[in-house]
Amino acid sequence: MPKPTVNPYDRDNCPLVIEWSILALIAYSIVTMILESMPSMAGHSKFFEYSELIVVMVFTVEYLLFWKLSPNPKHYPFEFLHIIDLLAILPFYLATGFDLRALRALRLLRIFRILKIARYSRSIQLLGRVFNRVAPDLLVCLLISGTLLLISSCGIYYAEHDYQPNVFTSIPEALWWSIVTLTTVGYGDAVPITSLGRFFASILMLAGIALIAFPTSFITTAITDIRNEDRS
């Protein structure tokens, strides 16, 4: 009986040395992208150009190898992680060889390289499964938060506008106060001074604590369940 062929570029069979090498290159490309944006590094433009060329070449070879060795090459370019791989190198080719200054903003897509780490990190893949499982619960929390923000913005506006017309000038302006209060940040740039306004603030602060606790419990439970499922 013939021995089954192992694809060395398959995610589950990829040698650790390749995984860590790609991870190191991703981290390097992100660091150089950040450094390139610093005015003090303007004198090193040639280094960044050659560095970008080498990184893109390696990522291109990696992308083409995975595509060639894929068991389903027709669907390969349309899978989520492979789209991210393409977005990591596409801006380089679009901005090379001809004048496309209007498309230079596409170079910002290099930030998608950080998402390539998801291909090589089981922990990030675990988080993806967790968020997929708790998405309905998070959506409910989001809807509740939106409702509270709307009610509190209207309430604080009508309670405070006559007393602080320059602070709570409109309901959209009051929405900023509601957001920083609900998230328990409290910048202090807008503070209620009326009894009714403080009442709304108290309710919103207590609701903010509860709304932060709920998603945390959902996510923690989902992580525990998924790990138990993987072990069983």
C-alpha atoms as a PDB file:
ATOM      1  CA  MET A   1       0.000   0.000   0.000  1.00  0.00           C
ATOM      2  CA  PRO A   2       1.542   3.376  -1.022  1.00  0.00           C
ATOM      3  CA  LYS A   3       2.539   5.710   1.738  1.00  0.00           C
ATOM      4  CA  PRO A   4       0.342   8.841   1.869  1.00  0.00           C
ATOM      5  CA  THR A   5       2.035  11.984   0.614  1.00  0.00           C
ATOM      6  CA  VAL A   6       2.489  14.725   3.176  1.00  0.00           C
ATOM      7  CA  ASN A   7       2.286  18.256   1.911  1.00  0.00           C
ATOM      8  CA  PRO A   8       5.075  20.156   3.708  1.00  0.00           C
ATOM      9  CA  TYR A   9       3.295  23.454   3.081  1.00  0.00           C
ATOM     10  CA  ASP A  10      -0.001  22.342   4.584  1.00  0.00           C
ATOM     11  CA  ARG A  11      -0.807  24.312   7.721  1.00  0.00           C
ATOM     12  CA  ASP A  12      -0.908  21.277   9.999  1.00  0.00           C
ATOM     13  CA  ASN A  13       2.207  19.657   8.510  1.00  0.00           C
ATOM     14  CA  CYS A  14       4.354  22.736   7.984  1.00  0.00           C
ATOM     15  CA  PRO A  15       7.687  22.385   9.855  1.00  0.00           C
ATOM     16  CA  LEU A  16       8.114  24.636  12.852  1.00  0.00           C
ATOM     17  CA  VAL A  17      11.237  26.210  11.379  1.00  0.00           C
ATOM     18  CA  ILE A  18       9.181  27.477   8.426  1.00  0.00           C
ATOM     19  CA  GLU A  19       6.396  28.719  10.671  1.00  0.00           C
ATOM     20  CA  TRP A  20       8.790  30.637  12.914  1.00  0.00           C
ATOM     21  CA  SER A  21      10.710  32.008   9.960  1.00  0.00           C
ATOM     22  CA  ILE A  22       7.542  33.388   8.385  1.00  0.00           C
ATOM     23  CA  LEU A  23       6.425  34.799  11.725  1.00  0.00           C
ATOM     24  CA  ALA A  24       9.789  36.514  12.151  1.00  0.00           C
ATOM     25  CA  LEU A  25       9.570  37.980   8.649  1.00  0.00           C
ATOM     26  CA  ILE A  26       6.030  39.243   9.290  1.00  0.00           C
ATOM     27  CA  ALA A  27       7.193  40.910  12.499  1.00  0.00           C
ATOM     28  CA  TYR A  28      10.201  42.401  10.696  1.00  0.00           C
ATOM     29  CA  SER A  29       8.036  43.805   7.884  1.00  0.00           C
ATOM     30  CA  ILE A  30       5.665  45.412  10.385  1.00  0.00           C
ATOM     31  CA  VAL A  31       8.536  46.986  12.341  1.00  0.00           C
ATOM     32  CA  THR A  32      10.145  48.395   9.185  1.00  0.00           C
ATOM     33  CA  MET A  33       6.781  49.734   8.019  1.00  0.00           C
ATOM     34  CA  ILE A  34       6.420  51.593  11.324  1.00  0.00           C
ATOM     35  CA  LEU A  35       9.993  52.900  11.255  1.00  0.00           C
ATOM     36  CA  GLU A  36       9.576  54.069   7.661  1.00  0.00           C
ATOM     37  CA  SER A  37       6.808  56.431   8.744  1.00  0.00           C
ATOM     38  CA  MET A  38       9.132  58.252  11.188  1.00  0.00           C
ATOM     39  CA  PRO A  39      10.565  61.589   9.897  1.00  0.00           C
ATOM     40  CA  SER A  40      13.898  60.847  11.598  1.00  0.00           C
ATOM     41  CA  MET A  41      14.303  57.772   9.361  1.00  0.00           C
ATOM     42  CA  ALA A  42      13.873  59.700   6.095  1.00  0.00           C
ATOM     43  CA  GLY A  43      17.578  59.340   5.310  1.00  0.00           C
ATOM     44  CA  HIS A  44      17.283  55.548   5.168  1.00  0.00           C
ATOM     45  CA  SER A  45      14.791  55.384   2.306  1.00  0.00           C
ATOM     46  CA  LYS A  46      17.002  53.100   0.196  1.00  0.00           C
ATOM     47  CA  PHE A  47      17.244  50.575   3.023  1.00  0.00           C
ATOM     48  CA  PHE A  48      13.469  50.495   3.376  1.00  0.00           C
ATOM     49  CA  GLU A  49      13.008  50.120  -0.388  1.00  0.00           C
ATOM     50  CA  TYR A  50      15.349  47.119  -0.608  1.00  0.00           C
ATOM     51  CA  SER A  51      13.919  45.677   2.593  1.00  0.00           C
ATOM     52  CA  GLU A  52      10.394  45.956   1.199  1.00  0.00           C
ATOM     53  CA  LEU A  53      11.491  44.301  -2.038  1.00  0.00           C
ATOM     54  CA  ILE A  54      13.000  41.303  -0.249  1.00  0.00           C
ATOM     55  CA  VAL A  55      10.018  40.869   2.066  1.00  0.00           C
ATOM     56  CA  VAL A  56       7.521  41.025  -0.794  1.00  0.00           C
ATOM     57  CA  MET A  57       9.535  38.548  -2.841  1.00  0.00           C
ATOM     58  CA  VAL A  58       9.559  36.037   0.021  1.00  0.00           C
ATOM     59  CA  PHE A  59       5.835  36.499   0.648  1.00  0.00           C
ATOM     60  CA  THR A  60       5.153  36.107  -3.071  1.00  0.00           C
ATOM     61  CA  VAL A  61       7.085  32.847  -3.255  1.00  0.00           C
ATOM     62  CA  GLU A  62       5.278  31.629  -0.151  1.00  0.00           C
ATOM     63  CA  TYR A  63       1.873  32.521  -1.639  1.00  0.00           C
ATOM     64  CA  LEU A  64       2.611  30.801  -4.961  1.00  0.00           C
ATOM     65  CA  LEU A  65       3.981  27.674  -3.264  1.00  0.00           C
ATOM     66  CA  PHE A  66       0.902  27.312  -1.072  1.00  0.00           C
ATOM     67  CA  TRP A  67      -1.267  27.819  -4.135  1.00  0.00           C
ATOM     68  CA  LYS A  68       0.615  25.250  -6.231  1.00  0.00           C
ATOM     69  CA  LEU A  69       0.623  22.634  -3.466  1.00  0.00           C
ATOM     70  CA  SER A  70      -2.963  23.268  -2.403  1.00  0.00           C
ATOM     71  CA  PRO A  71      -5.294  20.233  -2.702  1.00  0.00           C
ATOM     72  CA  ASN A  72      -7.952  22.565  -4.114  1.00  0.00           C
ATOM     73  CA  PRO A  73      -6.141  25.224  -6.195  1.00  0.00           C
ATOM     74  CA  LYS A  74      -9.336  26.581  -7.816  1.00  0.00           C
ATOM     75  CA  HIS A  75     -10.724  27.741  -4.483  1.00  0.00           C
ATOM     76  CA  TYR A  76      -7.369  28.661  -2.960  1.00  0.00           C
ATOM     77  CA  PRO A  77      -7.338  32.393  -3.941  1.00  0.00           C
ATOM     78  CA  PHE A  78     -10.842  32.918  -2.556  1.00  0.00           C
ATOM     79  CA  GLU A  79     -10.272  31.590   0.960  1.00  0.00           C
ATOM     80  CA  PHE A  80     -10.089  34.239   3.691  1.00  0.00           C
ATOM     81  CA  LEU A  81      -6.507  33.680   4.854  1.00  0.00           C
ATOM     82  CA  HIS A  82      -5.257  33.480   1.280  1.00  0.00           C
ATOM     83  CA  ILE A  83      -6.963  36.771   0.439  1.00  0.00           C
ATOM     84  CA  ILE A  84      -5.037  38.275   3.351  1.00  0.00           C
ATOM     85  CA  ASP A  85      -1.816  36.820   1.908  1.00  0.00           C
ATOM     86  CA  LEU A  86      -2.567  38.483  -1.415  1.00  0.00           C
ATOM     87  CA  LEU A  87      -3.425  41.819   0.186  1.00  0.00           C
ATOM     88  CA  ALA A  88      -0.057  41.708   1.949  1.00  0.00           C
ATOM     89  CA  ILE A  89       1.847  41.823  -1.361  1.00  0.00           C
ATOM     90  CA  LEU A  90      -0.568  43.316  -3.912  1.00  0.00           C
ATOM     91  CA  PRO A  91       0.021  47.024  -3.058  1.00  0.00           C
ATOM     92  CA  PHE A  92       3.742  46.636  -3.822  1.00  0.00           C
ATOM     93  CA  TYR A  93       3.047  45.489  -7.369  1.00  0.00           C
ATOM     94  CA  LEU A  94       0.317  48.062  -7.962  1.00  0.00           C
ATOM     95  CA  ALA A  95       2.667  50.890  -6.946  1.00  0.00           C
ATOM     96  CA  THR A  96       5.671  49.698  -8.971  1.00  0.00           C
ATOM     97  CA  GLY A  97       6.578  50.311 -12.610  1.00  0.00           C
ATOM     98  CA  PHE A  98       4.129  53.096 -13.408  1.00  0.00           C
ATOM     99  CA  ASP A  99       2.866  56.298 -11.844  1.00  0.00           C
ATOM    100  CA  LEU A 100      -0.128  55.554  -9.648  1.00  0.00           C
ATOM    101  CA  ARG A 101       0.214  58.226  -6.998  1.00  0.00           C
ATOM    102  CA  ALA A 102      -3.519  58.272  -6.408  1.00  0.00           C
ATOM    103  CA  LEU A 103      -3.318  54.593  -5.480  1.00  0.00           C
ATOM    104  CA  ARG A 104      -0.469  55.057  -3.010  1.00  0.00           C
ATOM    105  CA  ALA A 105      -3.034  54.789  -0.220  1.00  0.00           C
ATOM    106  CA  LEU A 106      -3.197  51.089  -1.126  1.00  0.00           C
ATOM    107  CA  ARG A 107       0.214  50.721   0.503  1.00  0.00           C
ATOM    108  CA  LEU A 108      -1.624  51.089   3.792  1.00  0.00           C
ATOM    109  CA  LEU A 109      -2.924  47.598   3.058  1.00  0.00           C
ATOM    110  CA  ARG A 110       0.489  46.346   4.186  1.00  0.00           C
ATOM    111  CA  ILE A 111      -1.018  46.440   7.668  1.00  0.00           C
ATOM    112  CA  PHE A 112      -2.886  43.278   6.615  1.00  0.00           C
ATOM    113  CA  ARG A 113       0.390  41.443   7.072  1.00  0.00           C
ATOM    114  CA  ILE A 114      -0.247  41.370  10.784  1.00  0.00           C
ATOM    115  CA  LEU A 115      -3.332  39.254  10.049  1.00  0.00           C
ATOM    116  CA  LYS A 116      -1.119  36.659   8.385  1.00  0.00           C
ATOM    117  CA  ILE A 117      -0.073  35.662  11.896  1.00  0.00           C
ATOM    118  CA  ALA A 118      -3.515  34.056  12.204  1.00  0.00           C
ATOM    119  CA  ARG A 119      -2.366  31.459   9.682  1.00  0.00           C
ATOM    120  CA  TYR A 120       0.439  30.322  11.967  1.00  0.00           C
ATOM    121  CA  SER A 121      -0.985  30.869  15.439  1.00  0.00           C
ATOM    122  CA  ARG A 122      -3.310  28.304  16.939  1.00  0.00           C
ATOM    123  CA  SER A 123      -4.173  30.761  19.725  1.00  0.00           C
ATOM    124  CA  ILE A 124      -5.468  33.325  17.243  1.00  0.00           C
ATOM    125  CA  GLN A 125      -7.430  30.607  15.459  1.00  0.00           C
ATOM    126  CA  LEU A 126      -8.919  29.670  18.831  1.00  0.00           C
ATOM    127  CA  LEU A 127     -10.011  33.277  19.354  1.00  0.00           C
ATOM    128  CA  GLY A 128     -11.601  33.245  15.915  1.00  0.00           C
ATOM    129  CA  ARG A 129     -13.666  30.193  16.858  1.00  0.00           C
ATOM    130  CA  VAL A 130     -14.579  31.802  20.167  1.00  0.00           C
ATOM    131  CA  PHE A 131     -15.829  35.024  18.614  1.00  0.00           C
ATOM    132  CA  ASN A 132     -17.729  33.053  15.987  1.00  0.00           C
ATOM    133  CA  ARG A 133     -19.504  31.147  18.747  1.00  0.00           C
ATOM    134  CA  VAL A 134     -20.353  34.158  20.938  1.00  0.00           C
ATOM    135  CA  ALA A 135     -21.230  36.487  18.048  1.00  0.00           C
ATOM    136  CA  PRO A 136     -25.014  36.362  18.730  1.00  0.00           C
ATOM    137  CA  ASP A 137     -24.460  37.184  22.422  1.00  0.00           C
ATOM    138  CA  LEU A 138     -22.099  40.030  21.555  1.00  0.00           C
ATOM    139  CA  LEU A 139     -24.656  41.370  19.082  1.00  0.00           C
ATOM    140  CA  VAL A 140     -27.285  41.473  21.832  1.00  0.00           C
ATOM    141  CA  CYS A 141     -24.874  43.378  24.094  1.00  0.00           C
ATOM    142  CA  LEU A 142     -24.145  45.772  21.239  1.00  0.00           C
ATOM    143  CA  LEU A 143     -27.849  46.428  20.670  1.00  0.00           C
ATOM    144  CA  ILE A 144     -28.411  47.009  24.385  1.00  0.00           C
ATOM    145  CA  SER A 145     -25.435  49.376  24.480  1.00  0.00           C
ATOM    146  CA  GLY A 146     -26.759  51.309  21.493  1.00  0.00           C
ATOM    147  CA  THR A 147     -30.173  51.654  23.109  1.00  0.00           C
ATOM    148  CA  LEU A 148     -28.654  52.857  26.383  1.00  0.00           C
ATOM    149  CA  LEU A 149     -26.469  55.363  24.548  1.00  0.00           C
ATOM    150  CA  LEU A 150     -29.450  56.783  22.688  1.00  0.00           C
ATOM    151  CA  ILE A 151     -31.637  57.066  25.785  1.00  0.00           C
ATOM    152  CA  SER A 152     -28.871  58.542  27.938  1.00  0.00           C
ATOM    153  CA  SER A 153     -27.834  61.023  25.238  1.00  0.00           C
ATOM    154  CA  CYS A 154     -31.377  62.324  24.940  1.00  0.00           C
ATOM    155  CA  GLY A 155     -31.847  62.348  28.706  1.00  0.00           C
ATOM    156  CA  ILE A 156     -28.592  64.149  29.529  1.00  0.00           C
ATOM    157  CA  TYR A 157     -29.212  66.692  26.771  1.00  0.00           C
ATOM    158  CA  TYR A 158     -32.628  67.690  28.080  1.00  0.00           C
ATOM    159  CA  ALA A 159     -31.391  67.625  31.677  1.00  0.00           C
ATOM    160  CA  GLU A 160     -28.233  69.679  31.127  1.00  0.00           C
ATOM    161  CA  HIS A 161     -28.676  71.788  28.000  1.00  0.00           C
ATOM    162  CA  ASP A 162     -30.371  74.748  29.736  1.00  0.00           C
ATOM    163  CA  TYR A 163     -27.678  74.805  32.420  1.00  0.00           C
ATOM    164  CA  GLN A 164     -24.628  74.004  30.237  1.00  0.00           C
ATOM    165  CA  PRO A 165     -25.517  75.085  26.685  1.00  0.00           C
ATOM    166  CA  ASN A 166     -21.857  75.200  25.643  1.00  0.00           C
ATOM    167  CA  VAL A 167     -21.139  71.671  26.857  1.00  0.00           C
ATOM    168  CA  PHE A 168     -24.267  69.742  25.905  1.00  0.00           C
ATOM    169  CA  THR A 169     -25.014  71.655  22.735  1.00  0.00           C
ATOM    170  CA  SER A 170     -26.956  68.868  20.994  1.00  0.00           C
ATOM    171  CA  ILE A 171     -27.891  65.221  21.307  1.00  0.00           C
ATOM    172  CA  PRO A 172     -24.983  64.122  19.030  1.00  0.00           C
ATOM    173  CA  GLU A 173     -22.598  66.111  21.252  1.00  0.00           C
ATOM    174  CA  ALA A 174     -24.150  64.458  24.304  1.00  0.00           C
ATOM    175  CA  LEU A 175     -23.482  61.094  22.670  1.00  0.00           C
ATOM    176  CA  TRP A 176     -19.748  61.603  23.288  1.00  0.00           C
ATOM    177  CA  TRP A 177     -20.411  61.991  27.015  1.00  0.00           C
ATOM    178  CA  SER A 178     -22.589  58.868  26.951  1.00  0.00           C
ATOM    179  CA  ILE A 179     -19.908  56.774  25.267  1.00  0.00           C
ATOM    180  CA  VAL A 180     -17.094  57.735  27.661  1.00  0.00           C
ATOM    181  CA  THR A 181     -19.432  57.236  30.620  1.00  0.00           C
ATOM    182  CA  LEU A 182     -20.788  53.861  29.485  1.00  0.00           C
ATOM    183  CA  THR A 183     -17.258  52.574  28.895  1.00  0.00           C
ATOM    184  CA  THR A 184     -16.275  53.852  32.393  1.00  0.00           C
ATOM    185  CA  VAL A 185     -13.495  56.007  30.878  1.00  0.00           C
ATOM    186  CA  GLY A 186     -14.859  59.340  32.086  1.00  0.00           C
ATOM    187  CA  TYR A 187     -12.601  61.994  30.536  1.00  0.00           C
ATOM    188  CA  GLY A 188     -14.275  64.716  32.600  1.00  0.00           C
ATOM    189  CA  ASP A 189     -14.616  67.138  29.680  1.00  0.00           C
ATOM    190  CA  ALA A 190     -18.412  67.040  30.122  1.00  0.00           C
ATOM    191  CA  VAL A 191     -19.857  66.638  33.614  1.00  0.00           C
ATOM    192  CA  PRO A 192     -23.548  66.836  34.646  1.00  0.00           C
ATOM    193  CA  ILE A 193     -24.371  69.384  37.336  1.00  0.00           C
ATOM    194  CA  THR A 194     -28.117  68.875  37.751  1.00  0.00           C
ATOM    195  CA  SER A 195     -29.735  66.212  39.910  1.00  0.00           C
ATOM    196  CA  LEU A 196     -31.473  64.667  36.907  1.00  0.00           C
ATOM    197  CA  GLY A 197     -28.253  64.672  34.913  1.00  0.00           C
ATOM    198  CA  ARG A 198     -26.358  62.961  37.716  1.00  0.00           C
ATOM    199  CA  PHE A 199     -29.148  60.409  37.959  1.00  0.00           C
ATOM    200  CA  PHE A 200     -28.690  59.538  34.269  1.00  0.00           C
ATOM    201  CA  ALA A 201     -24.924  59.396  34.804  1.00  0.00           C
ATOM    202  CA  SER A 202     -25.292  57.002  37.751  1.00  0.00           C
ATOM    203  CA  ILE A 203     -27.543  54.647  35.787  1.00  0.00           C
ATOM    204  CA  LEU A 204     -25.221  54.716  32.801  1.00  0.00           C
ATOM    205  CA  MET A 205     -22.094  54.018  34.866  1.00  0.00           C
ATOM    206  CA  LEU A 206     -23.705  51.026  36.572  1.00  0.00           C
ATOM    207  CA  ALA A 207     -24.946  49.741  33.222  1.00  0.00           C
ATOM    208  CA  GLY A 208     -21.436  50.140  31.809  1.00  0.00           C
ATOM    209  CA  ILE A 209     -19.964  47.888  34.492  1.00  0.00           C
ATOM    210  CA  ALA A 210     -22.590  45.230  33.766  1.00  0.00           C
ATOM    211  CA  LEU A 211     -22.156  45.422  29.989  1.00  0.00           C
ATOM    212  CA  ILE A 212     -18.400  44.958  30.314  1.00  0.00           C
ATOM    213  CA  ALA A 213     -18.886  41.943  32.579  1.00  0.00           C
ATOM    214  CA  PHE A 214     -21.375  40.143  30.302  1.00  0.00           C
ATOM    215  CA  PRO A 215     -19.149  39.773  27.193  1.00  0.00           C
ATOM    216  CA  THR A 216     -16.233  38.747  29.391  1.00  0.00           C
ATOM    217  CA  SER A 217     -18.251  35.886  30.855  1.00  0.00           C
ATOM    218  CA  PHE A 218     -19.480  34.798  27.398  1.00  0.00           C
ATOM    219  CA  ILE A 219     -15.958  34.736  25.971  1.00  0.00           C
ATOM    220  CA  THR A 220     -14.456  32.940  28.986  1.00  0.00           C
ATOM    221  CA  THR A 221     -17.139  30.239  28.858  1.00  0.00           C
ATOM    222  CA  ALA A 222     -16.681  29.778  25.105  1.00  0.00           C
ATOM    223  CA  ILE A 223     -12.895  29.408  25.463  1.00  0.00           C
ATOM    224  CA  THR A 224     -13.354  26.764  28.154  1.00  0.00           C
ATOM    225  CA  ASP A 225     -15.946  24.858  26.090  1.00  0.00           C
ATOM    226  CA  ILE A 226     -13.841  24.857  22.912  1.00  0.00           C
ATOM    227  CA  ARG A 227     -10.721  23.683  24.745  1.00  0.00           C
ATOM    228  CA  ASN A 228     -12.706  20.887  26.370  1.00  0.00           C
ATOM    229  CA  GLU A 229     -14.091  19.895  22.971  1.00  0.00           C
ATOM    230  CA  ASP A 230     -10.597  19.804  21.443  1.00  0.00           C
ATOM    231  CA  ARG A 231      -9.290  17.603  24.265  1.00  0.00           C
ATOM    232  CA  SER A 232     -12.170  15.131  24.050  1.00  0.00           C
END
